Amino acid sequence: MPTNLQAFANCSTGNLLSTWDNAEGALRYNVTAQGNFQDSIYSCSSQSNSCAMAGLHCGESLTISIKSSDDECDSPRTLGLPAETAPCTPQNVSAVKQCGNDSVSVSWGLSSGSLFYIAMAKGDDGTVHSCNSLGMACVIRSLKCSTNYTVSVISSNFMCNSSESEVISIETAYCPPENLTTSLDCAANEALISWQGAPSLNSYTATMTDTGDGLLSCSSTKQSCKVSNLKCGQLYTVTVRYHDGNCPGLTSKAIYMHSGKKSCCFNCFLNKS
């Protein structure tokens, strides 16, 4: 009887290659693989010590057996080590940008034969960011803001990877406004906040937070807005971010502003960074 029967999936072709040690006096060999997908059965025959099976379903666990024969009789079937085909391609892939940061959440459906998954986001410049998971979701981080990416998922069983899933296009959250400035109108007790950013049908929101976590804000579709009713003698932290109507963009780098002391009409000064 043949011995040392082993089978390995060819990750690129999907074929299953079987090898064994020849039996003395044997002229022919027949290898059978029984899968767990609708009682599938595959086979191949050879006069040497190897053969390949084609047309296997993805994500199958296979029971492998072999028999040898000469011109008069067949040997009993001998079991070899179990084998697995390449995992199936992930389906139902979706990607959602995470509002206010540089990440994208990716999810997918369970893929037969898979032990873990890799989600990838590819930029126009060819740069690829990825995350991996034993489950059916992960978050791809450190992406460029206001940038289009194509997102896809592959699955793996540590021996073979699946083919790439359908590709989804997504744009990351808007970049933060830049070059913030503030000016204080003591007489009106208000601050003018300005920034660099394209005019938009949607709005920018400027926020001023004092040391007691008191919050003031203003919004504009242009590159500036005014915040009223400042408290005297406060150090304000000033930030701005864009909102497209569905999702806020990244928050700008903070700058700092002192409101006027006493009546807010005297000793006014700015401290910007």
C-alpha atoms as a PDB file:
ATOM      1  CA  MET A   1       0.000   0.000   0.000  1.00  0.00           C
ATOM      2  CA  PRO A   2       1.171   3.565  -0.643  1.00  0.00           C
ATOM      3  CA  THR A   3       2.286   5.532   2.412  1.00  0.00           C
ATOM      4  CA  ASN A   4       2.915   9.118   3.508  1.00  0.00           C
ATOM      5  CA  LEU A   5      -0.029  10.567   1.561  1.00  0.00           C
ATOM      6  CA  GLN A   6      -0.091  14.363   1.729  1.00  0.00           C
ATOM      7  CA  ALA A   7      -2.116  17.011  -0.090  1.00  0.00           C
ATOM      8  CA  PHE A   8      -1.474  20.746  -0.519  1.00  0.00           C
ATOM      9  CA  ALA A   9      -3.578  23.470  -2.056  1.00  0.00           C
ATOM     10  CA  ASN A  10      -1.961  25.500  -4.833  1.00  0.00           C
ATOM     11  CA  CYS A  11      -2.879  29.003  -3.680  1.00  0.00           C
ATOM     12  CA  SER A  12      -2.635  30.569  -7.139  1.00  0.00           C
ATOM     13  CA  THR A  13      -4.543  27.958  -9.181  1.00  0.00           C
ATOM     14  CA  GLY A  14      -6.865  26.492  -6.547  1.00  0.00           C
ATOM     15  CA  ASN A  15      -5.773  22.966  -7.498  1.00  0.00           C
ATOM     16  CA  LEU A  16      -4.953  20.325  -4.884  1.00  0.00           C
ATOM     17  CA  LEU A  17      -1.623  18.511  -5.339  1.00  0.00           C
ATOM     18  CA  SER A  18      -1.279  15.080  -3.700  1.00  0.00           C
ATOM     19  CA  THR A  19       1.973  13.202  -3.182  1.00  0.00           C
ATOM     20  CA  TRP A  20       2.837   9.802  -1.644  1.00  0.00           C
ATOM     21  CA  ASP A  21       5.470   7.128  -1.370  1.00  0.00           C
ATOM     22  CA  ASN A  22       5.015   4.390  -3.973  1.00  0.00           C
ATOM     23  CA  ALA A  23       3.909   0.882  -3.057  1.00  0.00           C
ATOM     24  CA  GLU A  24       5.925  -2.072  -4.264  1.00  0.00           C
ATOM     25  CA  GLY A  25       4.325  -3.719  -7.296  1.00  0.00           C
ATOM     26  CA  ALA A  26       1.678  -1.007  -7.774  1.00  0.00           C
ATOM     27  CA  LEU A  27       1.004   0.168 -11.337  1.00  0.00           C
ATOM     28  CA  ARG A  28      -1.621   2.830 -10.764  1.00  0.00           C
ATOM     29  CA  TYR A  29      -2.833   5.085  -7.961  1.00  0.00           C
ATOM     30  CA  ASN A  30      -6.165   6.778  -7.332  1.00  0.00           C
ATOM     31  CA  VAL A  31      -6.553   9.627  -4.804  1.00  0.00           C
ATOM     32  CA  THR A  32      -9.953  10.755  -3.547  1.00  0.00           C
ATOM     33  CA  ALA A  33     -10.752  13.936  -1.605  1.00  0.00           C
ATOM     34  CA  GLN A  34     -14.119  14.236   0.123  1.00  0.00           C
ATOM     35  CA  GLY A  35     -15.109  17.751   1.108  1.00  0.00           C
ATOM     36  CA  ASN A  36     -17.609  19.279   3.514  1.00  0.00           C
ATOM     37  CA  PHE A  37     -19.428  21.323   0.848  1.00  0.00           C
ATOM     38  CA  GLN A  38     -22.576  19.457  -0.231  1.00  0.00           C
ATOM     39  CA  ASP A  39     -20.735  16.130   0.084  1.00  0.00           C
ATOM     40  CA  SER A  40     -18.355  17.070  -2.709  1.00  0.00           C
ATOM     41  CA  ILE A  41     -15.960  14.406  -3.988  1.00  0.00           C
ATOM     42  CA  TYR A  42     -12.857  14.989  -6.127  1.00  0.00           C
ATOM     43  CA  SER A  43     -10.337  12.514  -7.491  1.00  0.00           C
ATOM     44  CA  CYS A  44      -7.226  12.129  -9.599  1.00  0.00           C
ATOM     45  CA  SER A  45      -5.197   9.177 -10.874  1.00  0.00           C
ATOM     46  CA  SER A  46      -1.532   8.671 -11.663  1.00  0.00           C
ATOM     47  CA  GLN A  47       1.100   6.068 -12.476  1.00  0.00           C
ATOM     48  CA  SER A  48       3.749   8.032 -10.575  1.00  0.00           C
ATOM     49  CA  ASN A  49       3.752   9.370  -7.007  1.00  0.00           C
ATOM     50  CA  SER A  50       1.697  12.559  -7.464  1.00  0.00           C
ATOM     51  CA  CYS A  51      -1.462  13.913  -9.062  1.00  0.00           C
ATOM     52  CA  ALA A  52      -3.497  17.131  -9.012  1.00  0.00           C
ATOM     53  CA  MET A  53      -7.227  17.766  -8.645  1.00  0.00           C
ATOM     54  CA  ALA A  54      -8.880  20.806 -10.241  1.00  0.00           C
ATOM     55  CA  GLY A  55     -12.223  22.516  -9.772  1.00  0.00           C
ATOM     56  CA  LEU A  56     -12.270  22.393  -5.982  1.00  0.00           C
ATOM     57  CA  HIS A  57     -14.679  24.617  -4.092  1.00  0.00           C
ATOM     58  CA  CYS A  58     -13.144  27.310  -1.893  1.00  0.00           C
ATOM     59  CA  GLY A  59     -13.178  26.999   1.878  1.00  0.00           C
ATOM     60  CA  GLU A  60     -13.409  23.209   2.049  1.00  0.00           C
ATOM     61  CA  SER A  61     -11.915  20.820   4.599  1.00  0.00           C
ATOM     62  CA  LEU A  62     -10.969  17.620   2.795  1.00  0.00           C
ATOM     63  CA  THR A  63     -10.556  13.983   3.841  1.00  0.00           C
ATOM     64  CA  ILE A  64      -7.868  12.441   1.608  1.00  0.00           C
ATOM     65  CA  SER A  65      -7.471   8.736   0.782  1.00  0.00           C
ATOM     66  CA  ILE A  66      -5.493   6.690  -1.727  1.00  0.00           C
ATOM     67  CA  LYS A  67      -5.556   3.199  -3.196  1.00  0.00           C
ATOM     68  CA  SER A  68      -3.088   1.458  -5.435  1.00  0.00           C
ATOM     69  CA  SER A  69      -3.734  -1.220  -8.043  1.00  0.00           C
ATOM     70  CA  ASP A  70      -2.026  -3.577 -10.416  1.00  0.00           C
ATOM     71  CA  ASP A  71      -3.494  -5.611 -13.252  1.00  0.00           C
ATOM     72  CA  GLU A  72      -5.247  -7.966 -10.844  1.00  0.00           C
ATOM     73  CA  CYS A  73      -6.516  -6.160  -7.761  1.00  0.00           C
ATOM     74  CA  ASP A  74      -6.823  -2.958  -5.731  1.00  0.00           C
ATOM     75  CA  SER A  75      -5.344  -2.260  -2.318  1.00  0.00           C
ATOM     76  CA  PRO A  76      -7.528  -1.052   0.566  1.00  0.00           C
ATOM     77  CA  ARG A  77      -7.858   2.718   0.739  1.00  0.00           C
ATOM     78  CA  THR A  78      -5.396   4.460   3.043  1.00  0.00           C
ATOM     79  CA  LEU A  79      -6.133   7.778   4.727  1.00  0.00           C
ATOM     80  CA  GLY A  80      -3.680  10.660   4.499  1.00  0.00           C
ATOM     81  CA  LEU A  81      -3.455  13.915   6.370  1.00  0.00           C
ATOM     82  CA  PRO A  82      -6.498  16.199   6.012  1.00  0.00           C
ATOM     83  CA  ALA A  83      -6.221  19.159   3.654  1.00  0.00           C
ATOM     84  CA  GLU A  84      -7.914  22.502   3.043  1.00  0.00           C
ATOM     85  CA  THR A  85      -8.666  24.473  -0.089  1.00  0.00           C
ATOM     86  CA  ALA A  86      -8.074  28.216  -0.323  1.00  0.00           C
ATOM     87  CA  PRO A  87     -10.567  30.298   1.706  1.00  0.00           C
ATOM     88  CA  CYS A  88     -13.507  31.908  -0.037  1.00  0.00           C
ATOM     89  CA  THR A  89     -13.470  35.563  -1.048  1.00  0.00           C
ATOM     90  CA  PRO A  90     -15.114  37.885   1.528  1.00  0.00           C
ATOM     91  CA  GLN A  91     -18.531  39.220   0.471  1.00  0.00           C
ATOM     92  CA  ASN A  92     -20.748  42.150   1.483  1.00  0.00           C
ATOM     93  CA  VAL A  93     -17.811  44.460   2.114  1.00  0.00           C
ATOM     94  CA  SER A  94     -18.659  47.944   3.384  1.00  0.00           C
ATOM     95  CA  ALA A  95     -16.516  50.905   4.410  1.00  0.00           C
ATOM     96  CA  VAL A  96     -17.505  53.965   6.449  1.00  0.00           C
ATOM     97  CA  LYS A  97     -15.287  56.941   7.192  1.00  0.00           C
ATOM     98  CA  GLN A  98     -14.965  57.774  10.865  1.00  0.00           C
ATOM     99  CA  CYS A  99     -16.108  61.334  11.430  1.00  0.00           C
ATOM    100  CA  GLY A 100     -13.569  63.680  12.921  1.00  0.00           C
ATOM    101  CA  ASN A 101     -10.490  61.487  12.477  1.00  0.00           C
ATOM    102  CA  ASP A 102      -8.215  59.829   9.921  1.00  0.00           C
ATOM    103  CA  SER A 103      -9.746  56.343   9.959  1.00  0.00           C
ATOM    104  CA  VAL A 104     -12.141  54.119   8.003  1.00  0.00           C
ATOM    105  CA  SER A 105     -14.238  51.298   9.489  1.00  0.00           C
ATOM    106  CA  VAL A 106     -14.422  48.222   7.251  1.00  0.00           C
ATOM    107  CA  SER A 107     -16.786  45.251   7.675  1.00  0.00           C
ATOM    108  CA  TRP A 108     -17.595  42.091   5.695  1.00  0.00           C
ATOM    109  CA  GLY A 109     -19.508  38.831   5.820  1.00  0.00           C
ATOM    110  CA  LEU A 110     -18.192  35.531   7.157  1.00  0.00           C
ATOM    111  CA  SER A 111     -16.027  33.724   4.596  1.00  0.00           C
ATOM    112  CA  SER A 112     -15.892  29.917   4.514  1.00  0.00           C
ATOM    113  CA  GLY A 113     -12.506  28.431   5.338  1.00  0.00           C
ATOM    114  CA  SER A 114     -11.101  31.690   6.698  1.00  0.00           C
ATOM    115  CA  LEU A 115      -9.180  32.087   9.941  1.00  0.00           C
ATOM    116  CA  PHE A 116      -8.456  35.800   9.693  1.00  0.00           C
ATOM    117  CA  TYR A 117      -9.022  38.752   7.381  1.00  0.00           C
ATOM    118  CA  ILE A 118      -6.979  41.666   6.038  1.00  0.00           C
ATOM    119  CA  ALA A 119      -8.694  44.903   4.979  1.00  0.00           C
ATOM    120  CA  MET A 120      -6.719  47.266   2.747  1.00  0.00           C
ATOM    121  CA  ALA A 121      -7.121  50.891   1.697  1.00  0.00           C
ATOM    122  CA  LYS A 122      -5.130  51.938  -1.382  1.00  0.00           C
ATOM    123  CA  GLY A 123      -4.533  55.573  -2.264  1.00  0.00           C
ATOM    124  CA  ASP A 124      -4.089  57.092  -5.715  1.00  0.00           C
ATOM    125  CA  ASP A 125      -0.336  57.207  -5.085  1.00  0.00           C
ATOM    126  CA  GLY A 126      -0.240  53.442  -4.542  1.00  0.00           C
ATOM    127  CA  THR A 127       0.227  53.659  -0.772  1.00  0.00           C
ATOM    128  CA  VAL A 128      -1.588  50.854   1.059  1.00  0.00           C
ATOM    129  CA  HIS A 129      -2.805  50.952   4.665  1.00  0.00           C
ATOM    130  CA  SER A 130      -4.324  47.881   6.294  1.00  0.00           C
ATOM    131  CA  CYS A 131      -5.818  46.290   9.371  1.00  0.00           C
ATOM    132  CA  ASN A 132      -6.489  42.653  10.237  1.00  0.00           C
ATOM    133  CA  SER A 133      -9.047  40.833  12.317  1.00  0.00           C
ATOM    134  CA  LEU A 134     -10.166  37.395  13.425  1.00  0.00           C
ATOM    135  CA  GLY A 135     -13.722  38.726  13.239  1.00  0.00           C
ATOM    136  CA  MET A 136     -15.670  40.555  10.579  1.00  0.00           C
ATOM    137  CA  ALA A 137     -14.598  44.185  11.057  1.00  0.00           C
ATOM    138  CA  CYS A 138     -11.546  46.327  11.697  1.00  0.00           C
ATOM    139  CA  VAL A 139     -10.451  49.968  11.509  1.00  0.00           C
ATOM    140  CA  ILE A 140      -7.810  51.227   9.056  1.00  0.00           C
ATOM    141  CA  ARG A 141      -5.992  54.161  10.665  1.00  0.00           C
ATOM    142  CA  SER A 142      -3.496  56.891   9.767  1.00  0.00           C
ATOM    143  CA  LEU A 143      -5.077  57.727   6.402  1.00  0.00           C
ATOM    144  CA  LYS A 144      -4.705  61.083   4.699  1.00  0.00           C
ATOM    145  CA  CYS A 145      -7.600  63.492   5.201  1.00  0.00           C
ATOM    146  CA  SER A 146      -9.812  64.532   2.254  1.00  0.00           C
ATOM    147  CA  THR A 147      -8.390  61.671   0.176  1.00  0.00           C
ATOM    148  CA  ASN A 148     -10.044  59.015  -1.981  1.00  0.00           C
ATOM    149  CA  TYR A 149      -9.164  55.401  -1.199  1.00  0.00           C
ATOM    150  CA  THR A 150     -10.218  52.058  -2.683  1.00  0.00           C
ATOM    151  CA  VAL A 151     -10.997  49.514   0.033  1.00  0.00           C
ATOM    152  CA  SER A 152     -10.971  45.716  -0.323  1.00  0.00           C
ATOM    153  CA  VAL A 153     -10.663  42.627   1.891  1.00  0.00           C
ATOM    154  CA  ILE A 154      -8.922  39.268   1.569  1.00  0.00           C
ATOM    155  CA  SER A 155      -9.222  36.247   3.860  1.00  0.00           C
ATOM    156  CA  SER A 156      -6.565  33.708   4.845  1.00  0.00           C
ATOM    157  CA  ASN A 157      -6.234  30.290   6.446  1.00  0.00           C
ATOM    158  CA  PHE A 158      -2.481  30.890   7.098  1.00  0.00           C
ATOM    159  CA  MET A 159      -1.582  28.703   4.105  1.00  0.00           C
ATOM    160  CA  CYS A 160      -3.473  30.465   1.299  1.00  0.00           C
ATOM    161  CA  ASN A 161      -5.121  33.816   0.789  1.00  0.00           C
ATOM    162  CA  SER A 162      -8.424  34.273  -0.975  1.00  0.00           C
ATOM    163  CA  SER A 163      -8.825  36.445  -4.032  1.00  0.00           C
ATOM    164  CA  GLU A 164      -9.523  40.124  -3.411  1.00  0.00           C
ATOM    165  CA  SER A 165     -13.089  41.145  -2.627  1.00  0.00           C
ATOM    166  CA  GLU A 166     -15.104  43.720  -4.504  1.00  0.00           C
ATOM    167  CA  VAL A 167     -13.495  47.172  -4.322  1.00  0.00           C
ATOM    168  CA  ILE A 168     -15.255  50.086  -2.617  1.00  0.00           C
ATOM    169  CA  SER A 169     -14.325  53.750  -3.064  1.00  0.00           C
ATOM    170  CA  ILE A 170     -14.448  56.075  -0.078  1.00  0.00           C
ATOM    171  CA  GLU A 171     -13.249  59.579   0.810  1.00  0.00           C
ATOM    172  CA  THR A 172     -11.796  60.214   4.249  1.00  0.00           C
ATOM    173  CA  ALA A 173     -12.924  63.004   6.586  1.00  0.00           C
ATOM    174  CA  TYR A 174     -12.157  66.592   5.602  1.00  0.00           C
ATOM    175  CA  CYS A 175      -8.779  68.069   6.453  1.00  0.00           C
ATOM    176  CA  PRO A 176      -8.597  70.544   9.342  1.00  0.00           C
ATOM    177  CA  PRO A 177      -8.657  74.265   8.588  1.00  0.00           C
ATOM    178  CA  GLU A 178      -5.253  75.927   8.783  1.00  0.00           C
ATOM    179  CA  ASN A 179      -3.669  79.247   9.754  1.00  0.00           C
ATOM    180  CA  LEU A 180      -6.127  80.167  12.500  1.00  0.00           C
ATOM    181  CA  THR A 181      -6.023  83.716  13.800  1.00  0.00           C
ATOM    182  CA  THR A 182      -8.042  85.605  16.411  1.00  0.00           C
ATOM    183  CA  SER A 183      -8.657  89.269  17.095  1.00  0.00           C
ATOM    184  CA  LEU A 184     -10.446  90.675  20.123  1.00  0.00           C
ATOM    185  CA  ASP A 185     -12.946  93.556  19.949  1.00  0.00           C
ATOM    186  CA  CYS A 186     -13.020  94.779  23.547  1.00  0.00           C
ATOM    187  CA  ALA A 187     -15.800  97.306  23.016  1.00  0.00           C
ATOM    188  CA  ALA A 188     -18.134  94.719  21.486  1.00  0.00           C
ATOM    189  CA  ASN A 189     -16.885  91.959  23.808  1.00  0.00           C
ATOM    190  CA  GLU A 190     -16.446  89.555  20.916  1.00  0.00           C
ATOM    191  CA  ALA A 191     -13.681  87.669  19.089  1.00  0.00           C
ATOM    192  CA  LEU A 192     -13.219  87.392  15.334  1.00  0.00           C
ATOM    193  CA  ILE A 193     -11.864  83.964  14.392  1.00  0.00           C
ATOM    194  CA  SER A 194     -10.419  83.486  10.900  1.00  0.00           C
ATOM    195  CA  TRP A 195      -8.935  80.477   9.112  1.00  0.00           C
ATOM    196  CA  GLN A 196      -7.795  79.201   5.748  1.00  0.00           C
ATOM    197  CA  GLY A 197     -10.237  76.973   3.892  1.00  0.00           C
ATOM    198  CA  ALA A 198     -12.353  76.942   0.753  1.00  0.00           C
ATOM    199  CA  PRO A 199     -15.822  78.546   0.912  1.00  0.00           C
ATOM    200  CA  SER A 200     -18.503  75.893   1.102  1.00  0.00           C
ATOM    201  CA  LEU A 201     -22.248  75.374   0.968  1.00  0.00           C
ATOM    202  CA  ASN A 202     -21.801  73.557   4.281  1.00  0.00           C
ATOM    203  CA  SER A 203     -20.329  75.128   7.378  1.00  0.00           C
ATOM    204  CA  TYR A 204     -17.261  75.590   9.502  1.00  0.00           C
ATOM    205  CA  THR A 205     -17.669  75.735  13.262  1.00  0.00           C
ATOM    206  CA  ALA A 206     -15.260  77.645  15.491  1.00  0.00           C
ATOM    207  CA  THR A 207     -15.192  76.724  19.163  1.00  0.00           C
ATOM    208  CA  MET A 208     -13.755  78.613  22.125  1.00  0.00           C
ATOM    209  CA  THR A 209     -13.322  76.754  25.423  1.00  0.00           C
ATOM    210  CA  ASP A 210     -12.319  78.551  28.635  1.00  0.00           C
ATOM    211  CA  THR A 211     -10.366  77.084  31.559  1.00  0.00           C
ATOM    212  CA  GLY A 212     -13.608  76.108  33.294  1.00  0.00           C
ATOM    213  CA  ASP A 213     -14.771  74.143  30.256  1.00  0.00           C
ATOM    214  CA  GLY A 214     -17.252  76.831  29.319  1.00  0.00           C
ATOM    215  CA  LEU A 215     -17.886  76.700  25.582  1.00  0.00           C
ATOM    216  CA  LEU A 216     -18.740  79.343  22.994  1.00  0.00           C
ATOM    217  CA  SER A 217     -19.017  78.833  19.253  1.00  0.00           C
ATOM    218  CA  CYS A 218     -19.932  80.350  15.909  1.00  0.00           C
ATOM    219  CA  SER A 219     -20.502  78.919  12.415  1.00  0.00           C
ATOM    220  CA  SER A 220     -19.951  80.190   8.894  1.00  0.00           C
ATOM    221  CA  THR A 221     -19.775  79.021   5.279  1.00  0.00           C
ATOM    222  CA  LYS A 222     -16.894  81.503   4.771  1.00  0.00           C
ATOM    223  CA  GLN A 223     -13.473  81.757   6.421  1.00  0.00           C
ATOM    224  CA  SER A 224     -14.347  83.675   9.559  1.00  0.00           C
ATOM    225  CA  CYS A 225     -17.017  84.155  12.207  1.00  0.00           C
ATOM    226  CA  LYS A 226     -17.521  86.118  15.430  1.00  0.00           C
ATOM    227  CA  VAL A 227     -18.008  84.777  18.943  1.00  0.00           C
ATOM    228  CA  SER A 228     -19.845  87.050  21.382  1.00  0.00           C
ATOM    229  CA  ASN A 229     -20.333  87.218  25.162  1.00  0.00           C
ATOM    230  CA  LEU A 230     -16.762  86.466  26.148  1.00  0.00           C
ATOM    231  CA  LYS A 231     -15.894  86.178  29.822  1.00  0.00           C
ATOM    232  CA  CYS A 232     -13.332  88.604  31.193  1.00  0.00           C
ATOM    233  CA  GLY A 233      -9.885  87.395  32.150  1.00  0.00           C
ATOM    234  CA  GLN A 234     -10.119  84.001  30.469  1.00  0.00           C
ATOM    235  CA  LEU A 235      -7.605  81.965  28.474  1.00  0.00           C
ATOM    236  CA  TYR A 236      -9.589  80.485  25.585  1.00  0.00           C
ATOM    237  CA  THR A 237      -8.605  77.474  23.516  1.00  0.00           C
ATOM    238  CA  VAL A 238      -9.730  78.070  19.924  1.00  0.00           C
ATOM    239  CA  THR A 239     -10.309  75.383  17.286  1.00  0.00           C
ATOM    240  CA  VAL A 240     -12.180  75.135  13.976  1.00  0.00           C
ATOM    241  CA  ARG A 241     -13.464  72.232  11.925  1.00  0.00           C
ATOM    242  CA  TYR A 242     -15.541  71.683   8.817  1.00  0.00           C
ATOM    243  CA  HIS A 243     -18.872  69.832   8.666  1.00  0.00           C
ATOM    244  CA  ASP A 244     -20.234  68.527   5.372  1.00  0.00           C
ATOM    245  CA  GLY A 245     -23.765  68.101   6.674  1.00  0.00           C
ATOM    246  CA  ASN A 246     -23.223  64.455   7.602  1.00  0.00           C
ATOM    247  CA  CYS A 247     -19.793  64.142   9.097  1.00  0.00           C
ATOM    248  CA  PRO A 248     -17.455  66.595  10.860  1.00  0.00           C
ATOM    249  CA  GLY A 249     -13.902  66.815   9.578  1.00  0.00           C
ATOM    250  CA  LEU A 250     -10.669  66.820  11.533  1.00  0.00           C
ATOM    251  CA  THR A 251     -10.249  69.515  14.171  1.00  0.00           C
ATOM    252  CA  SER A 252      -7.658  72.206  13.530  1.00  0.00           C
ATOM    253  CA  LYS A 253      -4.560  72.742  15.609  1.00  0.00           C
ATOM    254  CA  ALA A 254      -5.554  74.787  18.671  1.00  0.00           C
ATOM    255  CA  ILE A 255      -4.510  78.363  19.227  1.00  0.00           C
ATOM    256  CA  TYR A 256      -4.981  80.396  22.418  1.00  0.00           C
ATOM    257  CA  MET A 257      -6.491  83.779  23.160  1.00  0.00           C
ATOM    258  CA  HIS A 258      -6.770  85.832  26.345  1.00  0.00           C
ATOM    259  CA  SER A 259      -9.938  87.840  26.784  1.00  0.00           C
ATOM    260  CA  GLY A 260      -9.581  91.324  28.271  1.00  0.00           C
ATOM    261  CA  LYS A 261      -9.297  91.815  31.997  1.00  0.00           C
ATOM    262  CA  LYS A 262     -11.685  93.791  34.171  1.00  0.00           C
ATOM    263  CA  SER A 263     -14.437  95.145  31.939  1.00  0.00           C
ATOM    264  CA  CYS A 264     -12.938  93.531  28.834  1.00  0.00           C
ATOM    265  CA  CYS A 265     -12.254  97.014  27.520  1.00  0.00           C
ATOM    266  CA  PHE A 266      -8.791  97.447  28.987  1.00  0.00           C
ATOM    267  CA  ASN A 267      -5.544  95.513  28.896  1.00  0.00           C
ATOM    268  CA  CYS A 268      -6.661  93.347  25.988  1.00  0.00           C
ATOM    269  CA  PHE A 269      -4.011  91.172  24.471  1.00  0.00           C
ATOM    270  CA  LEU A 270      -3.574  88.056  22.365  1.00  0.00           C
ATOM    271  CA  ASN A 271      -1.385  85.055  22.862  1.00  0.00           C
ATOM    272  CA  LYS A 272      -1.476  82.963  19.693  1.00  0.00           C
ATOM    273  CA  SER A 273       0.527  79.871  18.803  1.00  0.00           C
END
